[in-house]
């Protein structure tokens, strides 16, 4: 799951996690649209995390070893 800013809306891909290493999302792209800073949108920080489905809360503590962020044309 990823979102723009601390209070932004999020985009996600469901992934079933097992013990060990995992590639998230597994083969599918997760596309996040960032607001246009030239038009007054201040939040440009990209936050990655986990969402606890049963409580509906954003979970911290995710360790990201590598993230590739690509600007689309």
Protein backbone atom coordinates (compact mmCIF):
# COMPACT_ATOMS: atom_id res chain seq x y z
CA UNK A 1 0.00 0.00 0.00
CA UNK A 2 1.20 3.49 -0.72
CA UNK A 3 -0.24 6.94 -0.19
CA UNK A 4 0.68 10.56 -0.77
CA UNK A 5 1.21 12.56 2.43
CA UNK A 6 0.25 11.46 5.92
CA UNK A 7 -3.48 12.06 5.40
CA UNK A 8 -3.71 11.21 1.71
CA UNK A 9 -5.80 8.52 0.11
CA UNK A 10 -4.05 5.25 -0.56
CA UNK A 11 -3.66 2.81 -3.43
CA UNK A 12 -3.01 -0.85 -2.83
CA UNK A 13 -2.54 -4.30 -4.31
CA UNK A 14 -3.53 -7.27 -2.15
CA UNK A 15 -0.60 -9.61 -1.50
CA UNK A 16 -0.58 -12.81 0.53
CA UNK A 17 2.60 -12.76 2.63
CA UNK A 18 4.49 -15.87 3.68
CA UNK A 19 7.59 -16.20 5.83
CA UNK A 20 10.77 -15.13 4.07
CA UNK A 21 11.41 -12.66 1.28
CA UNK A 22 8.65 -11.34 -0.93
CA UNK A 23 8.37 -8.98 -3.87
CA UNK A 24 5.51 -6.57 -3.35
CA UNK A 25 3.51 -6.19 -5.50
CA UNK A 26 4.42 -9.51 -7.08
CA UNK A 27 4.81 -8.71 -10.77
CA UNK A 28 1.98 -6.15 -10.95
CA UNK A 29 2.63 -2.44 -10.92
CA UNK A 30 1.22 -0.26 -8.17
CA UNK A 31 0.45 3.14 -9.68
CA UNK A 32 0.18 6.21 -7.43
CA UNK A 33 -0.87 9.58 -8.82
CA UNK A 34 0.93 12.50 -7.17
CA UNK A 35 -0.76 15.90 -7.10
CA UNK A 36 0.64 18.75 -9.13
CA UNK A 37 2.88 20.89 -6.90
CA UNK A 38 2.71 23.76 -9.37
CA UNK A 39 -1.06 23.97 -8.74
CA UNK A 40 -0.71 24.37 -4.97
CA UNK A 41 -0.65 20.75 -3.81
CA UNK A 42 1.92 20.61 -0.98
CA UNK A 43 2.06 16.91 -0.11
CA UNK A 44 4.54 15.06 -2.30
CA UNK A 45 5.93 12.54 0.19
CA UNK A 46 5.24 8.94 -0.74
CA UNK A 47 4.48 6.71 2.28
CA UNK A 48 4.61 2.91 2.08
CA UNK A 49 3.01 0.67 4.67
CA UNK A 50 0.64 -2.09 5.61
CA UNK A 51 -3.08 -1.83 6.30
CA UNK A 52 -4.67 -3.96 8.99
CA UNK A 53 -7.88 -5.16 7.36
CA UNK A 54 -9.74 -6.27 10.51
CA UNK A 55 -9.17 -3.01 12.44
CA UNK A 56 -9.07 -0.60 9.49
CA UNK A 57 -5.85 1.05 10.69
CA UNK A 58 -2.64 2.01 8.92
CA UNK A 59 0.23 -0.07 10.29
CA UNK A 60 3.78 1.19 10.67
CA UNK A 61 6.99 -0.77 11.02
CA UNK A 62 7.35 -1.95 7.44
CA UNK A 63 11.00 -2.28 6.46
CA UNK A 64 11.53 -1.48 2.79
CA UNK A 65 14.80 -2.78 1.36
CA UNK A 66 14.31 -1.28 -2.10
CA UNK A 67 11.67 0.89 -3.76
CA UNK A 68 11.69 2.00 -7.37
CA UNK A 69 9.70 5.15 -8.11
CA UNK A 70 9.33 5.98 -11.80
CA UNK A 71 7.77 9.13 -13.24
CA UNK A 72 5.45 8.22 -16.09
CA UNK A 73 5.49 10.39 -19.20
